[in-house]
């Protein structure tokens, strides 16, 4: 399935259904076969002819459905086809590059494995040497260590002065106390810093919590406002639909209770046209007309009204009992309902006929 074809096919299908046309109706009007229309709408590319014919079919369908900016729609379709082909080419190139990358990764992993094994052996040798050196150094240093008590005893033996040795011991105690005091002060300072840090973290958490709660409240408020706005909008839409429905019912009743509708047609230019009775759904007239040959004036009457279809809107002068109507410009495709209420009656009748056929 072609994504570009599926996209424009879905667009054509939506326009067709919006206009109340079946696939058969569109095939009859456009002269494109029933099967080709189905395949285009479903995006089934394999069942369709070559691109030149396919583009022609799409152009005819857009024209038949009176789509505005037909050239822009076709240009977007062509651009989508080009983009799809480019993506397919990129995917193919990516697969080749992926296979090449797998081979290169395998070679790189082998090289890394060799380097890792060599590095591991070097670390083992270096660790063994370092262990032996450390053992020898520790043995030498341990033999040179002298305890403080042995220094004091040695001083006593050399000087024989007990007071001097006593002062040295006091100095050691003072130094010890100073060291302990400094240690306690450092511990207290560190404790104070940790407490301050915890306090700041707690304050930051509380601030973040407040911000989150405030944000949540704002979101809930916004959601409530949106919900309220949506409810008001839905009520307005429902009210508009109800008013439109009532107006439609009133128009239908007005038309049903009214006398028959009469129209006079004068042909002023070459044209093909079709006139359908809204009351019976039958074709009152269908064919080519010429102002200078044959019949060029017509008069019709119907209970509910008429549907006029033609490829040249300027070919007609249409009059009822009160005014003359201008249908459009030269060579303009038209589908004209008279009176305005005839349109809803016409489509309701067609829908009823479709349901009857399906049953």
Protein backbone atom coordinates (compact mmCIF):
# COMPACT_ATOMS: atom_id res chain seq x y z
CA UNK A 1 0.00 0.00 0.00
CA UNK A 2 1.26 3.46 -0.97
CA UNK A 3 1.08 5.99 1.88
CA UNK A 4 0.80 8.95 -0.52
CA UNK A 5 -1.98 7.22 -2.49
CA UNK A 6 -3.78 6.19 0.71
CA UNK A 7 -3.67 9.79 1.95
CA UNK A 8 -5.17 11.39 -1.18
CA UNK A 9 -7.59 8.44 -1.57
CA UNK A 10 -8.88 9.04 1.96
CA UNK A 11 -9.28 12.75 1.12
CA UNK A 12 -11.33 11.91 -2.04
CA UNK A 13 -13.46 9.40 -0.10
CA UNK A 14 -14.21 11.97 2.63
CA UNK A 15 -15.21 14.63 0.07
CA UNK A 16 -17.41 12.12 -1.77
CA UNK A 17 -19.27 11.07 1.37
CA UNK A 18 -19.65 14.70 2.50
CA UNK A 19 -21.38 15.44 -0.79
CA UNK A 20 -23.71 12.46 -0.38
CA UNK A 21 -22.29 10.59 -3.38
CA UNK A 22 -21.86 6.84 -3.67
CA UNK A 23 -18.93 5.28 -5.54
CA UNK A 24 -21.31 4.50 -8.41
CA UNK A 25 -22.49 8.13 -8.55
CA UNK A 26 -18.90 9.37 -8.72
CA UNK A 27 -18.04 6.77 -11.38
CA UNK A 28 -21.01 7.85 -13.52
CA UNK A 29 -20.08 11.52 -13.25
CA UNK A 30 -16.31 11.24 -13.70
CA UNK A 31 -16.25 8.31 -16.19
CA UNK A 32 -13.57 6.68 -13.98
CA UNK A 33 -14.39 3.02 -13.38
CA UNK A 34 -15.97 1.83 -10.11
CA UNK A 35 -13.01 -0.51 -9.41
CA UNK A 36 -10.37 2.19 -9.94
CA UNK A 37 -12.20 4.59 -7.58
CA UNK A 38 -12.33 1.90 -4.87
CA UNK A 39 -8.59 1.12 -5.29
CA UNK A 40 -7.67 4.84 -5.19
CA UNK A 41 -9.74 5.48 -2.03
CA UNK A 42 -8.26 2.42 -0.28
CA UNK A 43 -4.67 3.16 -1.48
CA UNK A 44 -4.26 -0.19 -3.29
CA UNK A 45 -1.48 0.70 -5.75
CA UNK A 46 -0.92 -2.79 -7.24
CA UNK A 47 -4.43 -2.88 -8.72
CA UNK A 48 -4.08 0.49 -10.50
CA UNK A 49 -2.51 1.44 -13.89
CA UNK A 50 0.81 3.27 -14.41
CA UNK A 51 1.53 6.64 -12.77
CA UNK A 52 0.51 8.79 -15.78
CA UNK A 53 -2.97 7.23 -15.96
CA UNK A 54 -3.32 7.20 -12.18
CA UNK A 55 -2.51 10.94 -11.96
CA UNK A 56 -5.10 11.59 -14.66
CA UNK A 57 -7.75 9.64 -12.71
CA UNK A 58 -7.00 11.58 -9.52
CA UNK A 59 -7.19 14.92 -11.37
CA UNK A 60 -10.59 13.98 -12.92
CA UNK A 61 -11.99 12.92 -9.52
CA UNK A 62 -10.86 16.17 -7.86
CA UNK A 63 -12.43 18.17 -10.68
CA UNK A 64 -15.70 16.18 -10.53
CA UNK A 65 -15.92 16.75 -6.75
CA UNK A 66 -15.22 20.49 -7.33
CA UNK A 67 -12.28 20.50 -4.93
CA UNK A 68 -10.74 23.92 -4.41
CA UNK A 69 -6.97 24.31 -5.06
CA UNK A 70 -6.82 21.10 -7.13
CA UNK A 71 -3.30 21.92 -8.36
CA UNK A 72 -2.08 22.32 -4.76
CA UNK A 73 -3.60 18.96 -3.75
CA UNK A 74 -1.94 17.22 -6.73
CA UNK A 75 1.40 18.93 -5.98
CA UNK A 76 1.27 17.69 -2.36
CA UNK A 77 0.53 14.17 -3.63
CA UNK A 78 3.53 14.24 -6.02
CA UNK A 79 5.77 15.58 -3.24
CA UNK A 80 4.60 12.80 -0.92
CA UNK A 81 5.49 10.19 -3.60
CA UNK A 82 9.00 11.70 -3.97
CA UNK A 83 9.52 11.77 -0.19
CA UNK A 84 8.43 8.12 0.12
CA UNK A 85 10.87 7.01 -2.59
CA UNK A 86 13.69 8.95 -0.89
CA UNK A 87 12.93 7.32 2.49
CA UNK A 88 13.05 3.83 0.89
CA UNK A 89 16.44 4.64 -0.68
CA UNK A 90 17.77 5.90 2.65
CA UNK A 91 16.59 2.74 4.40
CA UNK A 92 18.43 0.55 1.89
CA UNK A 93 21.63 2.56 2.38
CA UNK A 94 21.22 2.37 6.12
CA UNK A 95 21.04 -1.45 6.01
CA UNK A 96 24.33 -1.64 4.03
CA UNK A 97 26.03 0.74 6.48
CA UNK A 98 24.68 -1.29 9.39
CA UNK A 99 26.26 -4.53 8.08
CA UNK A 100 29.57 -2.72 7.54
CA UNK A 101 29.44 -1.30 11.07
CA UNK A 102 28.87 -4.81 12.53
CA UNK A 103 32.05 -6.13 10.84
CA UNK A 104 34.10 -3.12 12.03
CA UNK A 105 32.78 -3.52 15.60
CA UNK A 106 33.81 -7.17 15.64
CA UNK A 107 37.37 -6.30 14.60
CA UNK A 108 37.56 -3.50 17.18
CA UNK A 109 36.39 -5.85 19.99
CA UNK A 110 39.15 -8.34 19.10
CA UNK A 111 41.81 -5.59 19.26
CA UNK A 112 40.48 -4.35 22.63
CA UNK A 113 40.56 -7.92 24.01
CA UNK A 114 44.25 -8.32 23.09
CA UNK A 115 45.17 -4.96 24.66
CA UNK A 116 43.25 -5.85 27.85
CA UNK A 117 45.07 -9.20 28.25
CA UNK A 118 48.46 -7.50 27.79
CA UNK A 119 47.54 -4.78 30.31
CA UNK A 120 46.43 -7.43 32.86
CA UNK A 121 49.80 -9.26 32.61
CA UNK A 122 51.73 -5.98 33.09
CA UNK A 123 49.66 -5.15 36.21
CA UNK A 124 50.34 -8.60 37.71
CA UNK A 125 54.12 -8.25 37.25
CA UNK A 126 54.14 -4.69 38.58
CA UNK A 127 52.07 -5.71 41.64
CA UNK A 128 54.45 -8.56 42.46
CA UNK A 129 57.50 -6.24 42.32
CA UNK A 130 55.76 -3.54 44.39
CA UNK A 131 54.75 -6.06 47.07
CA UNK A 132 58.37 -7.23 47.59
CA UNK A 133 59.70 -3.66 47.72
CA UNK A 134 57.07 -2.58 50.26
CA UNK A 135 57.91 -5.52 52.53
CA UNK A 136 61.62 -4.64 52.60
CA UNK A 137 60.94 -0.94 53.29
CA UNK A 138 58.56 -1.75 56.19
CA UNK A 139 61.16 -4.05 57.78
CA UNK A 140 63.82 -1.29 57.69
CA UNK A 141 61.53 1.41 59.11
CA UNK A 142 60.23 -0.80 61.94
CA UNK A 143 63.76 -1.39 63.14
CA UNK A 144 64.32 2.40 63.49
CA UNK A 145 61.11 3.26 65.42
CA UNK A 146 61.77 4.49 69.02
CA UNK A 147 58.99 4.72 71.59
CA UNK A 148 58.54 7.98 73.59
CA UNK A 149 59.04 6.15 76.86
CA UNK A 150 62.53 5.01 75.83
CA UNK A 151 63.49 8.65 75.04
CA UNK A 152 62.39 9.75 78.50
CA UNK A 153 64.32 6.94 80.19
CA UNK A 154 67.40 7.80 78.10
CA UNK A 155 67.17 11.45 79.13
CA UNK A 156 67.00 10.44 82.76
CA UNK A 157 70.10 8.31 82.46
CA UNK A 158 72.10 11.03 80.71
CA UNK A 159 71.15 14.10 82.79
CA UNK A 160 70.16 12.57 86.13
CA UNK A 161 67.88 15.63 86.65
CA UNK A 162 64.35 14.49 87.49
CA UNK A 163 62.80 18.06 87.38
CA UNK A 164 63.83 18.58 83.78
CA UNK A 165 62.31 15.28 82.79
CA UNK A 166 59.10 16.18 84.68
CA UNK A 167 58.70 19.43 82.69
CA UNK A 168 59.01 17.50 79.44
CA UNK A 169 56.19 15.18 80.53
CA UNK A 170 53.99 18.19 81.38
CA UNK A 171 54.67 19.65 77.96
CA UNK A 172 53.60 16.39 76.43
CA UNK A 173 50.35 16.43 78.41
CA UNK A 174 49.69 20.07 77.43
CA UNK A 175 50.29 19.26 73.78
CA UNK A 176 48.01 16.26 74.10
CA UNK A 177 45.23 18.40 75.60
CA UNK A 178 45.67 21.04 72.90
CA UNK A 179 45.45 18.35 70.25
CA UNK A 180 42.30 16.88 71.81
CA UNK A 181 40.77 20.37 72.10
CA UNK A 182 41.55 21.15 68.48
CA UNK A 183 40.09 17.82 67.46
CA UNK A 184 36.90 18.47 69.43
CA UNK A 185 36.61 21.97 67.94
CA UNK A 186 37.04 20.55 64.44
CA UNK A 187 34.41 17.87 65.15
CA UNK A 188 32.02 20.50 66.55
CA UNK A 189 32.60 22.73 63.51
CA UNK A 190 32.00 19.81 61.15
CA UNK A 191 28.85 18.84 63.07
CA UNK A 192 27.58 22.41 62.86
CA UNK A 193 28.27 22.48 59.11
CA UNK A 194 26.42 19.17 58.62
CA UNK A 195 23.45 20.45 60.63
CA UNK A 196 23.38 23.65 58.56
CA UNK A 197 23.60 21.62 55.35
CA UNK A 198 20.71 19.38 56.45
CA UNK A 199 18.69 22.43 57.39
CA UNK A 200 19.29 24.00 53.98
CA UNK A 201 18.37 20.73 52.24
CA UNK A 202 15.17 20.54 54.29
CA UNK A 203 14.31 24.13 53.37
CA UNK A 204 14.97 23.37 49.67
CA UNK A 205 12.72 20.29 49.86
CA UNK A 206 9.93 22.29 51.49
CA UNK A 207 10.31 25.02 48.85
CA UNK A 208 10.15 22.46 46.03
CA UNK A 209 7.14 20.85 47.67
CA UNK A 210 5.36 24.22 47.88
CA UNK A 211 6.15 24.95 44.24
CA UNK A 212 4.85 21.52 43.18
CA UNK A 213 1.63 21.98 45.17
CA UNK A 214 1.15 25.47 43.71
CA UNK A 215 1.75 24.14 40.18
CA UNK A 216 -0.71 21.31 40.79
CA UNK A 217 -3.34 23.78 42.03
CA UNK A 218 -2.83 25.95 38.94
CA UNK A 219 -3.13 22.91 36.65
CA UNK A 220 -6.33 21.78 38.41
CA UNK A 221 -7.72 25.30 38.12
CA UNK A 222 -6.82 25.44 34.44
CA UNK A 223 -8.39 22.02 33.83
CA UNK A 224 -11.56 23.14 35.59
CA UNK A 225 -11.69 26.28 33.46
CA UNK A 226 -11.13 24.27 30.28
CA UNK A 227 -13.80 21.79 31.33
CA UNK A 228 -16.23 24.61 32.04
CA UNK A 229 -15.39 26.27 28.74
CA UNK A 230 -15.84 22.95 26.92
CA UNK A 231 -19.22 22.39 28.59
CA UNK A 232 -20.36 25.89 27.60
CA UNK A 233 -19.15 25.34 24.06
CA UNK A 234 -20.92 21.96 23.89
CA UNK A 235 -24.14 23.57 25.13
CA UNK A 236 -23.86 26.30 22.50
CA UNK A 237 -23.24 23.72 19.77
CA UNK A 238 -26.20 21.65 20.94
CA UNK A 239 -28.36 24.77 20.96
CA UNK A 240 -27.27 25.69 17.43
CA UNK A 241 -27.97 22.14 16.20
CA UNK A 242 -31.38 22.19 17.81
CA UNK A 243 -32.21 25.55 16.22
CA UNK A 244 -30.99 24.31 12.83
CA UNK A 245 -33.05 21.15 13.21
CA UNK A 246 -36.14 23.13 14.12
CA UNK A 247 -35.58 25.47 11.18
CA UNK A 248 -35.14 22.48 8.85
CA UNK A 249 -38.35 20.90 10.14
CA UNK A 250 -40.16 24.22 9.68
CA UNK A 251 -38.85 24.50 6.11
CA UNK A 252 -39.92 20.95 5.34
CA UNK A 253 -43.38 21.58 6.72
CA UNK A 254 -43.57 24.81 4.76
CA UNK A 255 -42.59 23.05 1.54
CA UNK A 256 -44.93 20.11 2.15
CA UNK A 257 -47.86 22.44 2.79
CA UNK A 258 -47.07 24.70 -0.16
CA UNK A 259 -48.38 24.37 -3.71
CA UNK A 260 -46.27 22.98 -6.53
CA UNK A 261 -43.06 24.81 -7.53
CA UNK A 262 -42.77 26.15 -11.10
CA UNK A 263 -39.63 27.21 -12.99
CA UNK A 264 -39.04 28.57 -16.49
CA UNK A 265 -35.73 27.92 -18.28
CA UNK A 266 -34.38 29.87 -21.27
CA UNK A 267 -31.24 28.48 -22.98
CA UNK A 268 -28.77 31.25 -23.95
CA UNK A 269 -25.62 29.18 -24.60
CA UNK A 270 -24.62 25.65 -25.60
CA UNK A 271 -24.76 23.31 -22.64
CA UNK A 272 -25.50 19.87 -21.29
CA UNK A 273 -27.82 19.77 -18.31
CA UNK A 274 -29.81 17.41 -16.15
CA UNK A 275 -32.96 18.32 -14.19
CA UNK A 276 -34.17 16.01 -11.37
CA UNK A 277 -37.51 16.08 -9.54
CA UNK A 278 -37.08 16.32 -5.76
CA UNK A 279 -40.55 14.84 -5.26
CA UNK A 280 -40.06 11.63 -7.28
CA UNK A 281 -36.30 11.55 -7.76
CA UNK A 282 -36.80 11.03 -11.49
CA UNK A 283 -34.84 12.79 -14.24
CA UNK A 284 -37.15 15.33 -15.91
CA UNK A 285 -34.67 16.24 -18.65
CA UNK A 286 -31.13 15.20 -19.59
CA UNK A 287 -29.17 16.12 -22.71
CA UNK A 288 -27.44 18.80 -24.77
CA UNK A 289 -29.26 22.05 -25.63
CA UNK A 290 -28.43 24.79 -28.13
CA UNK A 291 -30.01 28.26 -28.20
CA UNK A 292 -30.09 28.41 -32.03
CA UNK A 293 -31.27 24.88 -32.76
CA UNK A 294 -34.30 23.04 -31.52
CA UNK A 295 -36.07 23.72 -28.29
CA UNK A 296 -34.53 26.45 -26.13
CA UNK A 297 -37.30 27.24 -23.63
CA UNK A 298 -38.58 24.88 -20.95
CA UNK A 299 -41.11 25.04 -18.11
CA UNK A 300 -41.33 22.51 -15.28
CA UNK A 301 -43.36 22.11 -12.09
CA UNK A 302 -42.81 19.87 -9.06
CA UNK A 303 -44.24 19.47 -5.58
CA UNK A 304 -40.97 20.08 -3.68
CA UNK A 305 -38.50 21.53 -6.20
CA UNK A 306 -35.65 20.71 -8.56
CA UNK A 307 -31.97 19.78 -8.77
CA UNK A 308 -30.16 21.26 -11.78
CA UNK A 309 -26.69 19.96 -12.81
CA UNK A 310 -24.72 21.38 -15.73
CA UNK A 311 -21.22 22.07 -17.00
CA UNK A 312 -22.02 25.64 -18.11
CA UNK A 313 -23.75 27.70 -15.40
CA UNK A 314 -24.07 30.77 -17.68
CA UNK A 315 -26.14 28.90 -20.26
CA UNK A 316 -29.43 29.40 -18.39
CA UNK A 317 -31.84 32.16 -17.49
CA UNK A 318 -34.04 30.73 -14.74
CA UNK A 319 -37.22 32.45 -13.55
CA UNK A 320 -39.91 31.71 -11.02
CA UNK A 321 -43.03 33.74 -10.32
CA UNK A 322 -41.11 36.55 -8.60
CA UNK A 323 -37.48 36.81 -9.79
CA UNK A 324 -34.74 35.72 -12.20
CA UNK A 325 -31.73 33.68 -10.95
CA UNK A 326 -28.07 33.87 -12.06
CA UNK A 327 -26.57 30.39 -11.62
CA UNK A 328 -22.86 31.10 -12.31
CA UNK A 329 -20.19 31.80 -14.89
CA UNK A 330 -19.48 30.30 -18.29
CA UNK A 331 -18.20 26.67 -18.24
CA UNK A 332 -18.68 26.51 -14.46
CA UNK A 333 -19.83 23.17 -13.04
CA UNK A 334 -22.96 23.60 -10.90
CA UNK A 335 -25.41 21.61 -8.84
CA UNK A 336 -28.26 24.02 -8.04
CA UNK A 337 -31.20 23.33 -5.72
CA UNK A 338 -34.46 25.23 -5.97
CA UNK A 339 -35.83 26.23 -3.56
CA UNK A 340 -33.17 26.08 -0.77
CA UNK A 341 -35.30 23.65 1.24
CA UNK A 342 -35.19 21.19 -1.67
CA UNK A 343 -31.59 20.23 -0.83
CA UNK A 344 -32.41 18.66 2.55
CA UNK A 345 -35.45 16.84 1.09
CA UNK A 346 -33.35 15.52 -1.82
CA UNK A 347 -30.58 14.09 0.38
CA UNK A 348 -33.06 12.65 2.90
CA UNK A 349 -34.81 10.84 0.04
CA UNK A 350 -31.51 9.48 -1.28
CA UNK A 351 -30.50 8.27 2.18
CA UNK A 352 -33.83 6.51 2.58
CA UNK A 353 -33.39 4.83 -0.81
CA UNK A 354 -29.87 3.63 0.13
CA UNK A 355 -31.13 2.13 3.40
CA UNK A 356 -33.97 0.45 1.52
CA UNK A 357 -31.52 -1.06 -0.99
CA UNK A 358 -29.20 -2.29 1.78
CA UNK A 359 -32.09 -3.96 3.60
